[in-house]
Amino acid sequence: MTRVLLSLAILAVFLLCLYGMWRGWQNRAKRQAALPAFPQPPAATGAATLETTGVYVGTTLGDNWQDRVAVGDIGHRAEATLKLTDTGVLVERTGASPMWIPLEDVLDARTARGLAGKVMGPDGLLVLRWRNAGHTFDTGFRGDDKDVYEQWVQALGGRK
């Protein structure tokens, strides 16, 4: 009987932790409800001048590398293809909506150790800093081939 009660207690603590994480995510989404809508990809994005595959890590607010955007499905990690075109950056995410960053809104590109709770080795992530309606965002991408990061940083780094 003691073993059953102990198992039930552990299960209750586990379920309470899951509930707390779910409530925290919901509260974060409520706090961020005033964020502007993210740009939708245009019908024709143009030919890709640079393309890489990997994992979309997430988007954070400004300089806070852990303040993940939770609005819609922007906060969900997903396998993705990152494409640079003449008009912007397209993040085609598997199982989630595509994300569009107009080229004129890109401020910088850099490599980083971590973003949105995902920590890698040195220069493990490609991070694009961009703005949307007066808000600054950092979008992280972990490429399958990290050797292409330098090309992205050269193409988009230090734009403004």
N, C-alpha and C. Protein backbone atom coordinates (compact mmCIF):
# COMPACT_ATOMS: atom_id res chain seq x y z
N MET A 1 0.81 -1.20 0.00
CA MET A 1 0.00 0.00 0.00
C MET A 1 0.86 1.27 0.00
N THR A 2 1.97 1.22 0.74
CA THR A 2 2.86 2.36 0.80
C THR A 2 3.46 2.67 -0.57
N ARG A 3 3.79 1.62 -1.30
CA ARG A 3 4.37 1.78 -2.63
C ARG A 3 3.36 2.45 -3.57
N VAL A 4 2.10 2.10 -3.48
CA VAL A 4 1.06 2.69 -4.32
C VAL A 4 0.90 4.17 -3.98
N LEU A 5 0.87 4.50 -2.69
CA LEU A 5 0.73 5.90 -2.28
C LEU A 5 1.93 6.73 -2.73
N LEU A 6 3.12 6.16 -2.61
CA LEU A 6 4.33 6.87 -3.05
C LEU A 6 4.28 7.09 -4.57
N SER A 7 3.87 6.09 -5.31
CA SER A 7 3.75 6.23 -6.77
C SER A 7 2.72 7.29 -7.13
N LEU A 8 1.61 7.32 -6.44
CA LEU A 8 0.58 8.34 -6.69
C LEU A 8 1.08 9.74 -6.34
N ALA A 9 1.86 9.86 -5.28
CA ALA A 9 2.41 11.15 -4.89
C ALA A 9 3.39 11.65 -5.94
N ILE A 10 4.23 10.77 -6.44
CA ILE A 10 5.19 11.16 -7.48
C ILE A 10 4.45 11.56 -8.75
N LEU A 11 3.42 10.82 -9.11
CA LEU A 11 2.61 11.16 -10.28
C LEU A 11 1.94 12.52 -10.11
N ALA A 12 1.44 12.79 -8.90
CA ALA A 12 0.79 14.07 -8.63
C ALA A 12 1.78 15.23 -8.75
N VAL A 13 2.99 15.06 -8.25
CA VAL A 13 4.01 16.10 -8.36
C VAL A 13 4.38 16.32 -9.82
N PHE A 14 4.52 15.25 -10.58
CA PHE A 14 4.83 15.35 -12.01
C PHE A 14 3.73 16.10 -12.75
N LEU A 15 2.48 15.75 -12.50
CA LEU A 15 1.36 16.43 -13.15
C LEU A 15 1.27 17.90 -12.73
N LEU A 16 1.57 18.19 -11.49
CA LEU A 16 1.58 19.57 -11.01
C LEU A 16 2.66 20.38 -11.72
N CYS A 17 3.83 19.78 -11.96
CA CYS A 17 4.90 20.46 -12.70
C CYS A 17 4.46 20.72 -14.14
N LEU A 18 3.85 19.75 -14.78
CA LEU A 18 3.36 19.95 -16.15
C LEU A 18 2.32 21.07 -16.21
N TYR A 19 1.42 21.10 -15.25
CA TYR A 19 0.40 22.14 -15.20
C TYR A 19 1.05 23.52 -15.01
N GLY A 20 2.05 23.60 -14.15
CA GLY A 20 2.74 24.87 -13.92
C GLY A 20 3.44 25.37 -15.19
N MET A 21 4.07 24.46 -15.94
CA MET A 21 4.72 24.87 -17.19
C MET A 21 3.69 25.34 -18.21
N TRP A 22 2.57 24.64 -18.31
CA TRP A 22 1.51 25.03 -19.24
C TRP A 22 0.95 26.40 -18.87
N ARG A 23 0.70 26.64 -17.58
CA ARG A 23 0.19 27.94 -17.13
C ARG A 23 1.20 29.05 -17.40
N GLY A 24 2.46 28.78 -17.18
CA GLY A 24 3.50 29.78 -17.46
C GLY A 24 3.52 30.16 -18.93
N TRP A 25 3.40 29.17 -19.82
CA TRP A 25 3.39 29.44 -21.26
C TRP A 25 2.16 30.27 -21.62
N GLN A 26 1.01 29.95 -21.04
CA GLN A 26 -0.22 30.70 -21.31
C GLN A 26 -0.10 32.14 -20.81
N ASN A 27 0.47 32.34 -19.65
CA ASN A 27 0.65 33.69 -19.11
C ASN A 27 1.62 34.50 -19.97
N ARG A 28 2.68 33.85 -20.47
CA ARG A 28 3.62 34.54 -21.34
C ARG A 28 2.90 34.99 -22.61
N ALA A 29 2.08 34.12 -23.18
CA ALA A 29 1.33 34.48 -24.40
C ALA A 29 0.38 35.65 -24.13
N LYS A 30 -0.23 35.71 -22.95
CA LYS A 30 -1.12 36.83 -22.61
C LYS A 30 -0.33 38.13 -22.50
N ARG A 31 0.86 38.07 -21.87
CA ARG A 31 1.70 39.26 -21.74
C ARG A 31 2.16 39.77 -23.09
N GLN A 32 2.35 38.87 -24.05
CA GLN A 32 2.86 39.25 -25.35
C GLN A 32 1.76 39.48 -26.38
N ALA A 33 0.52 39.46 -25.96
CA ALA A 33 -0.60 39.61 -26.89
C ALA A 33 -0.55 40.95 -27.64
N ALA A 34 0.08 41.96 -27.06
CA ALA A 34 0.15 43.29 -27.68
C ALA A 34 1.25 43.39 -28.74
N LEU A 35 2.04 42.34 -28.91
CA LEU A 35 3.08 42.39 -29.94
C LEU A 35 2.44 42.51 -31.31
N PRO A 36 3.12 43.19 -32.23
CA PRO A 36 2.56 43.33 -33.59
C PRO A 36 2.52 41.98 -34.30
N ALA A 37 1.64 41.86 -35.26
CA ALA A 37 1.56 40.64 -36.05
C ALA A 37 2.86 40.47 -36.85
N PHE A 38 3.30 39.25 -36.96
CA PHE A 38 4.51 38.98 -37.72
C PHE A 38 4.19 39.05 -39.21
N PRO A 39 5.13 39.54 -40.03
CA PRO A 39 4.88 39.66 -41.47
C PRO A 39 4.60 38.30 -42.11
N GLN A 40 3.69 38.29 -43.06
CA GLN A 40 3.38 37.07 -43.81
C GLN A 40 4.26 37.01 -45.05
N PRO A 41 4.68 35.82 -45.46
CA PRO A 41 5.49 35.72 -46.67
C PRO A 41 4.70 36.18 -47.88
N PRO A 42 5.35 36.91 -48.79
CA PRO A 42 4.66 37.32 -50.01
C PRO A 42 4.40 36.10 -50.90
N ALA A 43 3.50 36.28 -51.87
CA ALA A 43 3.17 35.17 -52.78
C ALA A 43 4.41 34.70 -53.53
N ALA A 44 5.24 35.63 -53.95
CA ALA A 44 6.48 35.28 -54.66
C ALA A 44 7.65 35.89 -53.89
N THR A 45 8.45 35.02 -53.29
CA THR A 45 9.58 35.52 -52.50
C THR A 45 10.83 35.74 -53.34
N GLY A 46 10.84 35.21 -54.54
CA GLY A 46 12.02 35.33 -55.38
C GLY A 46 12.95 34.15 -55.20
N ALA A 47 13.99 34.11 -56.01
CA ALA A 47 14.95 33.02 -55.96
C ALA A 47 15.85 33.15 -54.73
N ALA A 48 16.17 32.02 -54.13
CA ALA A 48 17.03 32.01 -52.95
C ALA A 48 18.49 32.19 -53.38
N THR A 49 19.16 33.17 -52.75
CA THR A 49 20.58 33.37 -53.02
C THR A 49 21.44 32.60 -52.02
N LEU A 50 20.85 32.24 -50.90
CA LEU A 50 21.53 31.48 -49.86
C LEU A 50 20.49 30.62 -49.18
N GLU A 51 20.79 29.35 -48.93
CA GLU A 51 19.81 28.44 -48.35
C GLU A 51 20.51 27.41 -47.48
N THR A 52 19.91 27.10 -46.34
CA THR A 52 20.45 26.08 -45.46
C THR A 52 19.33 25.41 -44.69
N THR A 53 19.56 24.18 -44.28
CA THR A 53 18.57 23.44 -43.51
C THR A 53 19.04 23.32 -42.06
N GLY A 54 18.10 23.05 -41.18
CA GLY A 54 18.44 22.89 -39.77
C GLY A 54 17.20 22.95 -38.91
N VAL A 55 17.32 23.58 -37.76
CA VAL A 55 16.23 23.68 -36.79
C VAL A 55 16.00 25.14 -36.43
N TYR A 56 14.75 25.57 -36.58
CA TYR A 56 14.34 26.90 -36.09
C TYR A 56 14.27 26.77 -34.58
N VAL A 57 15.08 27.54 -33.87
CA VAL A 57 15.17 27.44 -32.42
C VAL A 57 14.09 28.27 -31.74
N GLY A 58 13.84 29.47 -32.25
CA GLY A 58 12.82 30.32 -31.65
C GLY A 58 13.14 31.78 -31.90
N THR A 59 12.23 32.62 -31.46
CA THR A 59 12.38 34.06 -31.56
C THR A 59 12.23 34.65 -30.18
N THR A 60 13.11 35.58 -29.83
CA THR A 60 13.07 36.22 -28.53
C THR A 60 12.89 37.72 -28.69
N LEU A 61 12.55 38.36 -27.59
CA LEU A 61 12.38 39.81 -27.58
C LEU A 61 13.71 40.50 -27.30
N GLY A 62 14.09 41.40 -28.18
CA GLY A 62 15.24 42.28 -27.97
C GLY A 62 16.50 41.60 -27.49
N ASP A 63 17.08 42.15 -26.46
CA ASP A 63 18.36 41.67 -25.96
C ASP A 63 18.24 40.54 -24.95
N ASN A 64 17.04 40.13 -24.63
CA ASN A 64 16.86 39.07 -23.65
C ASN A 64 16.84 37.72 -24.36
N TRP A 65 17.93 36.99 -24.32
CA TRP A 65 18.07 35.76 -25.09
C TRP A 65 17.18 34.63 -24.58
N GLN A 66 16.51 34.83 -23.44
CA GLN A 66 15.63 33.78 -22.91
C GLN A 66 14.16 34.15 -22.95
N ASP A 67 13.81 35.35 -23.37
CA ASP A 67 12.41 35.78 -23.39
C ASP A 67 11.76 35.38 -24.72
N ARG A 68 11.44 34.10 -24.82
CA ARG A 68 10.90 33.52 -26.05
C ARG A 68 9.52 34.08 -26.36
N VAL A 69 9.29 34.40 -27.63
CA VAL A 69 7.97 34.84 -28.08
C VAL A 69 7.06 33.62 -28.08
N ALA A 70 5.90 33.75 -27.44
CA ALA A 70 4.97 32.63 -27.30
C ALA A 70 3.67 32.85 -28.06
N VAL A 71 3.59 33.90 -28.83
CA VAL A 71 2.38 34.22 -29.57
C VAL A 71 2.26 33.29 -30.78
N GLY A 72 1.09 32.71 -30.97
CA GLY A 72 0.88 31.81 -32.10
C GLY A 72 1.81 30.62 -32.03
N ASP A 73 2.34 30.22 -33.17
CA ASP A 73 3.26 29.08 -33.19
C ASP A 73 4.71 29.55 -33.37
N ILE A 74 4.95 30.84 -33.15
CA ILE A 74 6.31 31.38 -33.30
C ILE A 74 7.26 30.77 -32.27
N GLY A 75 6.77 30.42 -31.10
CA GLY A 75 7.62 29.89 -30.05
C GLY A 75 7.93 28.41 -30.17
N HIS A 76 7.42 27.73 -31.17
CA HIS A 76 7.61 26.29 -31.30
C HIS A 76 8.84 25.98 -32.14
N ARG A 77 9.72 25.13 -31.61
CA ARG A 77 10.87 24.70 -32.39
C ARG A 77 10.39 23.78 -33.52
N ALA A 78 11.10 23.82 -34.63
CA ALA A 78 10.72 22.98 -35.76
C ALA A 78 11.89 22.83 -36.72
N GLU A 79 11.91 21.71 -37.43
CA GLU A 79 12.86 21.58 -38.53
C GLU A 79 12.51 22.65 -39.55
N ALA A 80 13.53 23.22 -40.18
CA ALA A 80 13.25 24.35 -41.06
C ALA A 80 14.31 24.47 -42.15
N THR A 81 13.94 25.24 -43.16
CA THR A 81 14.87 25.66 -44.20
C THR A 81 14.92 27.18 -44.17
N LEU A 82 16.11 27.71 -44.10
CA LEU A 82 16.33 29.16 -44.05
C LEU A 82 16.78 29.61 -45.43
N LYS A 83 16.03 30.56 -46.01
CA LYS A 83 16.33 31.03 -47.36
C LYS A 83 16.48 32.53 -47.37
N LEU A 84 17.56 33.00 -47.98
CA LEU A 84 17.78 34.43 -48.20
C LEU A 84 17.41 34.73 -49.64
N THR A 85 16.49 35.68 -49.83
CA THR A 85 16.10 36.10 -51.17
C THR A 85 16.42 37.58 -51.34
N ASP A 86 16.08 38.13 -52.49
CA ASP A 86 16.34 39.55 -52.74
C ASP A 86 15.48 40.46 -51.88
N THR A 87 14.36 39.93 -51.36
CA THR A 87 13.43 40.76 -50.60
C THR A 87 13.35 40.42 -49.12
N GLY A 88 13.94 39.31 -48.70
CA GLY A 88 13.86 38.97 -47.29
C GLY A 88 14.40 37.60 -46.96
N VAL A 89 14.13 37.19 -45.73
CA VAL A 89 14.55 35.88 -45.24
C VAL A 89 13.29 35.07 -44.96
N LEU A 90 13.21 33.89 -45.55
CA LEU A 90 12.08 33.01 -45.37
C LEU A 90 12.51 31.82 -44.51
N VAL A 91 11.74 31.58 -43.44
CA VAL A 91 11.98 30.42 -42.59
C VAL A 91 10.80 29.48 -42.83
N GLU A 92 11.03 28.44 -43.62
CA GLU A 92 9.99 27.45 -43.90
C GLU A 92 10.09 26.36 -42.85
N ARG A 93 9.12 26.35 -41.92
CA ARG A 93 9.16 25.43 -40.79
C ARG A 93 8.24 24.24 -41.04
N THR A 94 8.73 23.05 -40.73
CA THR A 94 7.94 21.83 -40.86
C THR A 94 6.95 21.76 -39.71
N GLY A 95 5.67 21.63 -40.04
CA GLY A 95 4.64 21.51 -39.01
C GLY A 95 4.24 22.83 -38.37
N ALA A 96 4.71 23.93 -38.90
CA ALA A 96 4.37 25.25 -38.37
C ALA A 96 4.30 26.23 -39.54
N SER A 97 3.73 27.40 -39.26
CA SER A 97 3.58 28.38 -40.34
C SER A 97 4.95 28.95 -40.74
N PRO A 98 5.09 29.32 -42.01
CA PRO A 98 6.36 29.92 -42.42
C PRO A 98 6.53 31.30 -41.79
N MET A 99 7.75 31.71 -41.65
CA MET A 99 8.06 33.00 -41.04
C MET A 99 8.80 33.84 -42.07
N TRP A 100 8.42 35.11 -42.19
CA TRP A 100 9.02 36.01 -43.16
C TRP A 100 9.64 37.20 -42.45
N ILE A 101 10.88 37.50 -42.80
CA ILE A 101 11.56 38.67 -42.28
C ILE A 101 11.96 39.53 -43.47
N PRO A 102 11.27 40.65 -43.69
CA PRO A 102 11.63 41.52 -44.82
C PRO A 102 13.07 42.00 -44.70
N LEU A 103 13.76 42.06 -45.81
CA LEU A 103 15.18 42.42 -45.81
C LEU A 103 15.43 43.79 -45.21
N GLU A 104 14.51 44.74 -45.44
CA GLU A 104 14.71 46.08 -44.89
C GLU A 104 14.58 46.12 -43.36
N ASP A 105 14.02 45.06 -42.77
CA ASP A 105 13.86 45.01 -41.31
C ASP A 105 15.02 44.30 -40.62
N VAL A 106 15.87 43.63 -41.37
CA VAL A 106 17.01 42.91 -40.78
C VAL A 106 18.05 43.94 -40.32
N LEU A 107 18.43 43.85 -39.06
CA LEU A 107 19.42 44.77 -38.50
C LEU A 107 20.82 44.16 -38.49
N ASP A 108 20.90 42.85 -38.22
CA ASP A 108 22.21 42.24 -38.05
C ASP A 108 22.07 40.72 -38.11
N ALA A 109 23.17 40.06 -38.32
CA ALA A 109 23.26 38.60 -38.23
C ALA A 109 24.56 38.28 -37.50
N ARG A 110 24.49 37.30 -36.63
CA ARG A 110 25.67 36.94 -35.85
C ARG A 110 25.57 35.48 -35.43
N THR A 111 26.64 34.95 -34.91
CA THR A 111 26.59 33.64 -34.30
C THR A 111 26.51 33.83 -32.80
N ALA A 112 25.90 32.87 -32.13
CA ALA A 112 25.74 32.97 -30.69
C ALA A 112 25.82 31.59 -30.06
N ARG A 113 25.98 31.60 -28.77
CA ARG A 113 26.07 30.35 -28.01
C ARG A 113 24.68 29.82 -27.66
N GLY A 114 23.72 30.72 -27.44
CA GLY A 114 22.40 30.26 -27.05
C GLY A 114 21.32 31.26 -27.34
N LEU A 115 20.08 30.76 -27.40
CA LEU A 115 18.91 31.60 -27.62
C LEU A 115 17.68 30.80 -27.25
N ALA A 116 16.73 31.46 -26.61
CA ALA A 116 15.43 30.87 -26.28
C ALA A 116 15.56 29.55 -25.51
N GLY A 117 16.49 29.52 -24.56
CA GLY A 117 16.65 28.34 -23.74
C GLY A 117 17.45 27.23 -24.39
N LYS A 118 17.90 27.41 -25.61
CA LYS A 118 18.71 26.41 -26.31
C LYS A 118 20.16 26.88 -26.26
N VAL A 119 21.02 26.12 -25.61
CA VAL A 119 22.42 26.49 -25.46
C VAL A 119 23.26 25.48 -26.21
N MET A 120 24.15 25.98 -27.04
CA MET A 120 25.03 25.14 -27.86
C MET A 120 26.47 25.49 -27.49
N GLY A 121 27.37 24.94 -28.27
CA GLY A 121 28.77 25.30 -28.12
C GLY A 121 28.99 26.70 -28.69
N PRO A 122 30.22 27.19 -28.60
CA PRO A 122 30.50 28.52 -29.17
C PRO A 122 30.09 28.58 -30.64
N ASP A 123 29.44 29.66 -31.01
CA ASP A 123 29.00 29.89 -32.39
C ASP A 123 28.11 28.76 -32.92
N GLY A 124 27.31 28.18 -32.06
CA GLY A 124 26.46 27.06 -32.44
C GLY A 124 25.16 27.47 -33.11
N LEU A 125 24.78 28.73 -32.96
CA LEU A 125 23.52 29.20 -33.53
C LEU A 125 23.75 30.41 -34.43
N LEU A 126 22.94 30.51 -35.46
CA LEU A 126 22.89 31.70 -36.30
C LEU A 126 21.71 32.52 -35.80
N VAL A 127 21.96 33.78 -35.44
CA VAL A 127 20.91 34.64 -34.89
C VAL A 127 20.73 35.86 -35.79
N LEU A 128 19.49 36.07 -36.21
CA LEU A 128 19.14 37.25 -37.01
C LEU A 128 18.43 38.24 -36.11
N ARG A 129 18.93 39.45 -36.06
CA ARG A 129 18.26 40.53 -35.31
C ARG A 129 17.48 41.36 -36.32
N TRP A 130 16.21 41.60 -36.00
CA TRP A 130 15.35 42.34 -36.91
C TRP A 130 14.31 43.11 -36.13
N ARG A 131 13.62 44.01 -36.82
CA ARG A 131 12.62 44.83 -36.13
C ARG A 131 11.28 44.68 -36.84
N ASN A 132 10.24 44.88 -36.07
CA ASN A 132 8.88 44.81 -36.59
C ASN A 132 8.03 45.77 -35.78
N ALA A 133 7.55 46.82 -36.41
CA ALA A 133 6.67 47.80 -35.76
C ALA A 133 7.25 48.33 -34.45
N GLY A 134 8.51 48.69 -34.46
CA GLY A 134 9.14 49.29 -33.29
C GLY A 134 9.67 48.30 -32.26
N HIS A 135 9.47 47.02 -32.45
CA HIS A 135 9.98 45.99 -31.55
C HIS A 135 11.17 45.29 -32.20
N THR A 136 12.16 44.95 -31.38
CA THR A 136 13.34 44.25 -31.87
C THR A 136 13.24 42.78 -31.48
N PHE A 137 13.55 41.90 -32.43
CA PHE A 137 13.49 40.46 -32.20
C PHE A 137 14.80 39.82 -32.61
N ASP A 138 15.11 38.70 -31.96
CA ASP A 138 16.23 37.85 -32.36
C ASP A 138 15.64 36.50 -32.73
N THR A 139 15.95 36.02 -33.92
CA THR A 139 15.46 34.72 -34.38
C THR A 139 16.66 33.81 -34.52
N GLY A 140 16.58 32.64 -33.87
CA GLY A 140 17.70 31.70 -33.85
C GLY A 140 17.48 30.51 -34.75
N PHE A 141 18.56 30.06 -35.35
CA PHE A 141 18.54 28.93 -36.26
C PHE A 141 19.79 28.09 -36.04
N ARG A 142 19.60 26.79 -35.86
CA ARG A 142 20.75 25.87 -35.72
C ARG A 142 20.86 25.09 -37.02
N GLY A 143 21.83 25.43 -37.81
CA GLY A 143 22.00 24.81 -39.13
C GLY A 143 22.61 23.43 -39.05
N ASP A 144 22.26 22.60 -40.03
CA ASP A 144 22.89 21.29 -40.14
C ASP A 144 24.36 21.44 -40.49
N ASP A 145 24.70 22.47 -41.27
CA ASP A 145 26.07 22.76 -41.66
C ASP A 145 26.44 24.14 -41.11
N LYS A 146 27.20 24.15 -40.04
CA LYS A 146 27.54 25.43 -39.40
C LYS A 146 28.59 26.22 -40.18
N ASP A 147 29.19 25.61 -41.19
CA ASP A 147 30.18 26.32 -42.00
C ASP A 147 29.54 27.43 -42.84
N VAL A 148 28.23 27.39 -43.05
CA VAL A 148 27.57 28.42 -43.86
C VAL A 148 27.22 29.66 -43.03
N TYR A 149 27.39 29.60 -41.72
CA TYR A 149 27.06 30.75 -40.88
C TYR A 149 27.80 32.01 -41.33
N GLU A 150 29.06 31.84 -41.68
CA GLU A 150 29.87 32.99 -42.07
C GLU A 150 29.28 33.67 -43.31
N GLN A 151 28.76 32.89 -44.24
CA GLN A 151 28.13 33.47 -45.42
C GLN A 151 26.90 34.29 -45.04
N TRP A 152 26.11 33.78 -44.11
CA TRP A 152 24.94 34.50 -43.65
C TRP A 152 25.32 35.79 -42.92
N VAL A 153 26.33 35.70 -42.08
CA VAL A 153 26.78 36.89 -41.34
C VAL A 153 27.31 37.94 -42.31
N GLN A 154 28.04 37.53 -43.32
CA GLN A 154 28.55 38.48 -44.31
C GLN A 154 27.42 39.09 -45.12
N ALA A 155 26.41 38.28 -45.47
CA ALA A 155 25.31 38.77 -46.30
C ALA A 155 24.37 39.70 -45.52
N LEU A 156 24.20 39.44 -44.23
CA LEU A 156 23.20 40.21 -43.46
C LEU A 156 23.78 40.99 -42.29
N GLY A 157 25.00 40.73 -41.90
CA GLY A 157 25.56 41.36 -40.72
C GLY A 157 25.78 42.87 -40.86
N GLY A 158 25.54 43.59 -39.77
CA GLY A 158 25.82 45.01 -39.72
C GLY A 158 25.07 45.85 -40.73
N ARG A 159 23.83 45.49 -40.99
CA ARG A 159 23.06 46.21 -42.00
C ARG A 159 22.66 47.60 -41.53
N LYS A 160 22.37 47.77 -40.25
CA LYS A 160 21.92 49.07 -39.76
C LYS A 160 22.44 49.31 -38.37
